[in-house]
Amino acid sequence: MKLLTLKFILIFTYLISSSSSYAIQQPNLKNLVIHKDAKKLEKINFININNEIIDLNKFKNSLIIINFWATWCAPCIEEMPSLNRLQTNPVFNNLQIIPINVGRDNVENSKNFYKKLKINNLEIYFDKNVELSNKFLLRGLPTTVFINKEGEEFARIIGFVNFDDKKIIKWLQKYD
């Protein structure tokens, strides 16, 4: 009887520990795609509001979140404030969020978008020639790409996500 009880406790403990660890590793989001093998990214450049070329390698050794958005995109409007708060979340030491406007909006429209939504923790970047949209094979907006400290894409979310969600924050902490 003692052996049966011991087996039950071991199995029960295993099931509880593995299910809670799974919840931490991967938030339950239907639009989250985690790559089995991280994808090496090369020659990723975008433009800032001063029309200067920015190389993604500038942010190497950081957890990078690239968010592709447009001013006319309703889910982007809903998502952007939580992304703004994520940038200043104190649980992250080495997080860089790069919001890239792919909607062919001009600088003034983008600034007005940020002002209207009270976005004050994020820079504005552009993909003017739609090169990144093609390189990342965007299928909709918003699209969020997660890049590890080695410069590899390890996951992406297609569509809206609330970056205030504690499960997402806990999952992202593993990569910070």
C-alpha atoms as a PDB file:
ATOM      1  CA  MET A   1       0.000   0.000   0.000  1.00  0.00           C
ATOM      2  CA  LYS A   2       2.879   2.369   0.819  1.00  0.00           C
ATOM      3  CA  LEU A   3       4.415   1.717  -2.587  1.00  0.00           C
ATOM      4  CA  LEU A   4       1.111   2.548  -4.322  1.00  0.00           C
ATOM      5  CA  THR A   5       0.805   5.782  -2.325  1.00  0.00           C
ATOM      6  CA  LEU A   6       4.376   6.735  -3.161  1.00  0.00           C
ATOM      7  CA  LYS A   7       3.771   6.103  -6.879  1.00  0.00           C
ATOM      8  CA  PHE A   8       0.607   8.207  -6.760  1.00  0.00           C
ATOM      9  CA  ILE A   9       2.450  11.107  -5.089  1.00  0.00           C
ATOM     10  CA  LEU A  10       5.293  10.943  -7.610  1.00  0.00           C
ATOM     11  CA  ILE A  11       2.940  10.904 -10.601  1.00  0.00           C
ATOM     12  CA  PHE A  12       0.802  13.685  -9.123  1.00  0.00           C
ATOM     13  CA  THR A  13       3.888  15.826  -8.445  1.00  0.00           C
ATOM     14  CA  TYR A  14       5.197  15.235 -11.960  1.00  0.00           C
ATOM     15  CA  LEU A  15       1.894  16.216 -13.546  1.00  0.00           C
ATOM     16  CA  ILE A  16       1.572  19.389 -11.505  1.00  0.00           C
ATOM     17  CA  SER A  17       5.164  20.497 -12.048  1.00  0.00           C
ATOM     18  CA  SER A  18       5.168  19.842 -15.795  1.00  0.00           C
ATOM     19  CA  SER A  19       1.860  21.588 -16.422  1.00  0.00           C
ATOM     20  CA  SER A  20       2.856  24.716 -14.497  1.00  0.00           C
ATOM     21  CA  SER A  21       6.236  24.796 -16.229  1.00  0.00           C
ATOM     22  CA  TYR A  22       4.513  24.497 -19.612  1.00  0.00           C
ATOM     23  CA  ALA A  23       2.286  27.464 -18.785  1.00  0.00           C
ATOM     24  CA  ILE A  24       5.385  29.556 -18.054  1.00  0.00           C
ATOM     25  CA  GLN A  25       7.224  28.435 -21.171  1.00  0.00           C
ATOM     26  CA  GLN A  26       4.435  29.138 -23.596  1.00  0.00           C
ATOM     27  CA  PRO A  27       1.515  31.475 -22.959  1.00  0.00           C
ATOM     28  CA  ASN A  28      -1.751  30.097 -24.224  1.00  0.00           C
ATOM     29  CA  LEU A  29      -2.252  32.288 -27.292  1.00  0.00           C
ATOM     30  CA  LYS A  30      -3.806  30.955 -30.463  1.00  0.00           C
ATOM     31  CA  ASN A  31      -1.874  33.448 -32.597  1.00  0.00           C
ATOM     32  CA  LEU A  32       1.567  32.762 -31.068  1.00  0.00           C
ATOM     33  CA  VAL A  33       3.974  30.758 -33.214  1.00  0.00           C
ATOM     34  CA  ILE A  34       7.133  29.533 -31.476  1.00  0.00           C
ATOM     35  CA  HIS A  35       9.745  28.298 -33.928  1.00  0.00           C
ATOM     36  CA  LYS A  36      11.214  24.880 -33.285  1.00  0.00           C
ATOM     37  CA  ASP A  37      14.558  26.244 -34.501  1.00  0.00           C
ATOM     38  CA  ALA A  38      15.307  29.944 -34.179  1.00  0.00           C
ATOM     39  CA  LYS A  39      15.769  31.745 -37.519  1.00  0.00           C
ATOM     40  CA  LYS A  40      18.977  33.706 -38.065  1.00  0.00           C
ATOM     41  CA  LEU A  41      18.257  37.246 -39.257  1.00  0.00           C
ATOM     42  CA  GLU A  42      20.644  39.130 -41.490  1.00  0.00           C
ATOM     43  CA  LYS A  43      20.731  42.622 -42.933  1.00  0.00           C
ATOM     44  CA  ILE A  44      17.706  44.001 -41.107  1.00  0.00           C
ATOM     45  CA  ASN A  45      17.565  47.779 -41.561  1.00  0.00           C
ATOM     46  CA  PHE A  46      14.809  50.317 -41.030  1.00  0.00           C
ATOM     47  CA  ILE A  47      14.447  54.108 -40.980  1.00  0.00           C
ATOM     48  CA  ASN A  48      13.917  56.412 -37.985  1.00  0.00           C
ATOM     49  CA  ILE A  49      11.930  59.678 -38.056  1.00  0.00           C
ATOM     50  CA  ASN A  50      15.057  61.561 -39.175  1.00  0.00           C
ATOM     51  CA  ASN A  51      15.304  59.300 -42.242  1.00  0.00           C
ATOM     52  CA  GLU A  52      18.469  57.669 -40.872  1.00  0.00           C
ATOM     53  CA  ILE A  53      19.116  53.991 -41.522  1.00  0.00           C
ATOM     54  CA  ILE A  54      19.125  51.897 -38.340  1.00  0.00           C
ATOM     55  CA  ASP A  55      20.740  48.451 -38.312  1.00  0.00           C
ATOM     56  CA  LEU A  56      19.047  45.859 -36.093  1.00  0.00           C
ATOM     57  CA  ASN A  57      22.517  44.755 -34.941  1.00  0.00           C
ATOM     58  CA  LYS A  58      22.644  48.011 -32.969  1.00  0.00           C
ATOM     59  CA  PHE A  59      20.323  46.309 -30.468  1.00  0.00           C
ATOM     60  CA  LYS A  60      22.177  42.979 -30.310  1.00  0.00           C
ATOM     61  CA  ASN A  61      22.474  41.382 -26.852  1.00  0.00           C
ATOM     62  CA  SER A  62      18.945  42.562 -26.048  1.00  0.00           C
ATOM     63  CA  LEU A  63      15.598  40.854 -26.175  1.00  0.00           C
ATOM     64  CA  ILE A  64      14.130  42.587 -29.223  1.00  0.00           C
ATOM     65  CA  ILE A  65      10.462  42.900 -30.031  1.00  0.00           C
ATOM     66  CA  ILE A  66       9.719  44.208 -33.505  1.00  0.00           C
ATOM     67  CA  ASN A  67       6.112  45.275 -33.891  1.00  0.00           C
ATOM     68  CA  PHE A  68       4.846  45.957 -37.417  1.00  0.00           C
ATOM     69  CA  TRP A  69       1.917  48.385 -37.385  1.00  0.00           C
ATOM     70  CA  ALA A  70       0.028  51.108 -39.280  1.00  0.00           C
ATOM     71  CA  THR A  71      -2.025  54.124 -38.186  1.00  0.00           C
ATOM     72  CA  TRP A  72      -5.131  52.814 -39.963  1.00  0.00           C
ATOM     73  CA  CYS A  73      -4.941  49.367 -38.319  1.00  0.00           C
ATOM     74  CA  ALA A  74      -7.660  49.009 -35.622  1.00  0.00           C
ATOM     75  CA  PRO A  75      -5.952  46.136 -33.731  1.00  0.00           C
ATOM     76  CA  CYS A  76      -2.701  48.165 -33.777  1.00  0.00           C
ATOM     77  CA  ILE A  77      -4.515  51.055 -32.096  1.00  0.00           C
ATOM     78  CA  GLU A  78      -5.728  48.672 -29.404  1.00  0.00           C
ATOM     79  CA  GLU A  79      -2.344  46.975 -28.947  1.00  0.00           C
ATOM     80  CA  MET A  80       0.081  49.910 -28.981  1.00  0.00           C
ATOM     81  CA  PRO A  81      -0.619  51.279 -25.450  1.00  0.00           C
ATOM     82  CA  SER A  82       0.225  47.914 -23.850  1.00  0.00           C
ATOM     83  CA  LEU A  83       3.398  47.729 -25.943  1.00  0.00           C
ATOM     84  CA  ASN A  84       4.271  51.221 -24.707  1.00  0.00           C
ATOM     85  CA  ARG A  85       3.884  50.067 -21.077  1.00  0.00           C
ATOM     86  CA  LEU A  86       5.906  46.903 -21.731  1.00  0.00           C
ATOM     87  CA  GLN A  87       8.941  48.991 -22.744  1.00  0.00           C
ATOM     88  CA  THR A  88       9.139  50.446 -19.216  1.00  0.00           C
ATOM     89  CA  ASN A  89       8.154  47.324 -17.305  1.00  0.00           C
ATOM     90  CA  PRO A  90      10.698  47.085 -14.453  1.00  0.00           C
ATOM     91  CA  VAL A  91      10.998  43.274 -14.672  1.00  0.00           C
ATOM     92  CA  PHE A  92      13.027  43.652 -17.877  1.00  0.00           C
ATOM     93  CA  ASN A  93      16.683  44.660 -17.833  1.00  0.00           C
ATOM     94  CA  ASN A  94      17.494  44.363 -21.488  1.00  0.00           C
ATOM     95  CA  LEU A  95      14.353  44.810 -23.601  1.00  0.00           C
ATOM     96  CA  GLN A  96      14.204  46.824 -26.812  1.00  0.00           C
ATOM     97  CA  ILE A  97      10.873  47.352 -28.561  1.00  0.00           C
ATOM     98  CA  ILE A  98      11.062  48.494 -32.184  1.00  0.00           C
ATOM     99  CA  PRO A  99       7.680  49.565 -33.598  1.00  0.00           C
ATOM    100  CA  ILE A 100       7.951  49.765 -37.390  1.00  0.00           C
ATOM    101  CA  ASN A 101       5.241  51.544 -39.346  1.00  0.00           C
ATOM    102  CA  VAL A 102       4.598  49.609 -42.553  1.00  0.00           C
ATOM    103  CA  GLY A 103       1.480  51.553 -43.508  1.00  0.00           C
ATOM    104  CA  ARG A 104       3.312  54.087 -45.676  1.00  0.00           C
ATOM    105  CA  ASP A 105       2.298  56.837 -43.264  1.00  0.00           C
ATOM    106  CA  ASN A 106       4.380  59.984 -43.125  1.00  0.00           C
ATOM    107  CA  VAL A 107       6.239  61.136 -40.015  1.00  0.00           C
ATOM    108  CA  GLU A 108       3.546  63.667 -39.038  1.00  0.00           C
ATOM    109  CA  ASN A 109       0.707  61.104 -39.167  1.00  0.00           C
ATOM    110  CA  SER A 110       2.790  58.685 -37.115  1.00  0.00           C
ATOM    111  CA  LYS A 111       3.584  61.346 -34.506  1.00  0.00           C
ATOM    112  CA  ASN A 112      -0.116  62.247 -34.278  1.00  0.00           C
ATOM    113  CA  PHE A 113      -0.960  58.555 -33.833  1.00  0.00           C
ATOM    114  CA  TYR A 114       1.508  58.317 -30.921  1.00  0.00           C
ATOM    115  CA  LYS A 115       0.228  61.576 -29.410  1.00  0.00           C
ATOM    116  CA  LYS A 116      -3.425  60.495 -29.613  1.00  0.00           C
ATOM    117  CA  LEU A 117      -2.625  57.162 -27.910  1.00  0.00           C
ATOM    118  CA  LYS A 118      -0.174  58.763 -25.427  1.00  0.00           C
ATOM    119  CA  ILE A 119       2.717  56.610 -26.664  1.00  0.00           C
ATOM    120  CA  ASN A 120       5.765  58.138 -25.003  1.00  0.00           C
ATOM    121  CA  ASN A 121       8.168  55.230 -24.383  1.00  0.00           C
ATOM    122  CA  LEU A 122       8.630  54.078 -27.973  1.00  0.00           C
ATOM    123  CA  GLU A 123      10.476  55.480 -30.977  1.00  0.00           C
ATOM    124  CA  ILE A 124       8.899  55.620 -34.424  1.00  0.00           C
ATOM    125  CA  TYR A 125      10.511  53.608 -37.218  1.00  0.00           C
ATOM    126  CA  PHE A 126       9.507  53.001 -40.828  1.00  0.00           C
ATOM    127  CA  ASP A 127       9.749  50.360 -43.544  1.00  0.00           C
ATOM    128  CA  LYS A 128       9.387  52.790 -46.440  1.00  0.00           C
ATOM    129  CA  ASN A 129      10.335  50.407 -49.254  1.00  0.00           C
ATOM    130  CA  VAL A 130       8.349  47.489 -47.830  1.00  0.00           C
ATOM    131  CA  GLU A 131      11.568  45.476 -47.757  1.00  0.00           C
ATOM    132  CA  LEU A 132      11.049  44.262 -44.189  1.00  0.00           C
ATOM    133  CA  SER A 133       7.419  43.412 -44.844  1.00  0.00           C
ATOM    134  CA  ASN A 134       8.613  41.100 -47.590  1.00  0.00           C
ATOM    135  CA  LYS A 135      11.647  39.783 -45.696  1.00  0.00           C
ATOM    136  CA  PHE A 136       9.498  38.873 -42.660  1.00  0.00           C
ATOM    137  CA  LEU A 137       6.667  37.552 -44.889  1.00  0.00           C
ATOM    138  CA  LEU A 138       4.031  39.621 -43.099  1.00  0.00           C
ATOM    139  CA  ARG A 139       0.523  38.228 -43.434  1.00  0.00           C
ATOM    140  CA  GLY A 140      -1.378  40.818 -41.426  1.00  0.00           C
ATOM    141  CA  LEU A 141      -1.144  43.662 -38.944  1.00  0.00           C
ATOM    142  CA  PRO A 142      -0.137  43.933 -36.280  1.00  0.00           C
ATOM    143  CA  THR A 143       2.637  41.340 -36.413  1.00  0.00           C
ATOM    144  CA  THR A 144       5.080  41.060 -33.534  1.00  0.00           C
ATOM    145  CA  VAL A 145       8.433  39.330 -33.999  1.00  0.00           C
ATOM    146  CA  PHE A 146      10.502  38.185 -31.003  1.00  0.00           C
ATOM    147  CA  ILE A 147      14.283  38.143 -31.436  1.00  0.00           C
ATOM    148  CA  ASN A 148      16.688  36.629 -28.927  1.00  0.00           C
ATOM    149  CA  LYS A 149      20.038  38.087 -27.841  1.00  0.00           C
ATOM    150  CA  GLU A 150      21.803  36.186 -30.632  1.00  0.00           C
ATOM    151  CA  GLY A 151      19.748  38.025 -33.255  1.00  0.00           C
ATOM    152  CA  GLU A 152      17.497  35.076 -34.101  1.00  0.00           C
ATOM    153  CA  GLU A 153      13.734  35.135 -34.492  1.00  0.00           C
ATOM    154  CA  PHE A 154      12.352  32.609 -32.025  1.00  0.00           C
ATOM    155  CA  ALA A 155       8.630  33.433 -32.147  1.00  0.00           C
ATOM    156  CA  ARG A 156       5.994  35.712 -33.607  1.00  0.00           C
ATOM    157  CA  ILE A 157       2.422  36.767 -33.012  1.00  0.00           C
ATOM    158  CA  ILE A 158       0.158  37.586 -35.917  1.00  0.00           C
ATOM    159  CA  GLY A 159      -2.635  39.872 -34.772  1.00  0.00           C
ATOM    160  CA  PHE A 160      -3.463  41.657 -31.535  1.00  0.00           C
ATOM    161  CA  VAL A 161      -1.968  40.740 -28.182  1.00  0.00           C
ATOM    162  CA  ASN A 162      -2.262  42.450 -24.815  1.00  0.00           C
ATOM    163  CA  PHE A 163       1.315  42.968 -23.616  1.00  0.00           C
ATOM    164  CA  ASP A 164       0.035  43.625 -20.092  1.00  0.00           C
ATOM    165  CA  ASP A 165      -0.843  39.911 -19.837  1.00  0.00           C
ATOM    166  CA  LYS A 166       1.167  38.413 -16.952  1.00  0.00           C
ATOM    167  CA  LYS A 167       1.669  35.118 -18.839  1.00  0.00           C
ATOM    168  CA  ILE A 168       3.321  36.903 -21.754  1.00  0.00           C
ATOM    169  CA  ILE A 169       5.515  38.948 -19.429  1.00  0.00           C
ATOM    170  CA  LYS A 170       6.617  35.850 -17.512  1.00  0.00           C
ATOM    171  CA  TRP A 171       7.348  34.003 -20.779  1.00  0.00           C
ATOM    172  CA  LEU A 172       9.378  36.927 -22.168  1.00  0.00           C
ATOM    173  CA  GLN A 173      11.439  37.208 -18.968  1.00  0.00           C
ATOM    174  CA  LYS A 174      13.149  33.941 -19.900  1.00  0.00           C
ATOM    175  CA  TYR A 175      14.718  35.682 -22.894  1.00  0.00           C
ATOM    176  CA  ASP A 176      15.720  38.964 -21.191  1.00  0.00           C
END
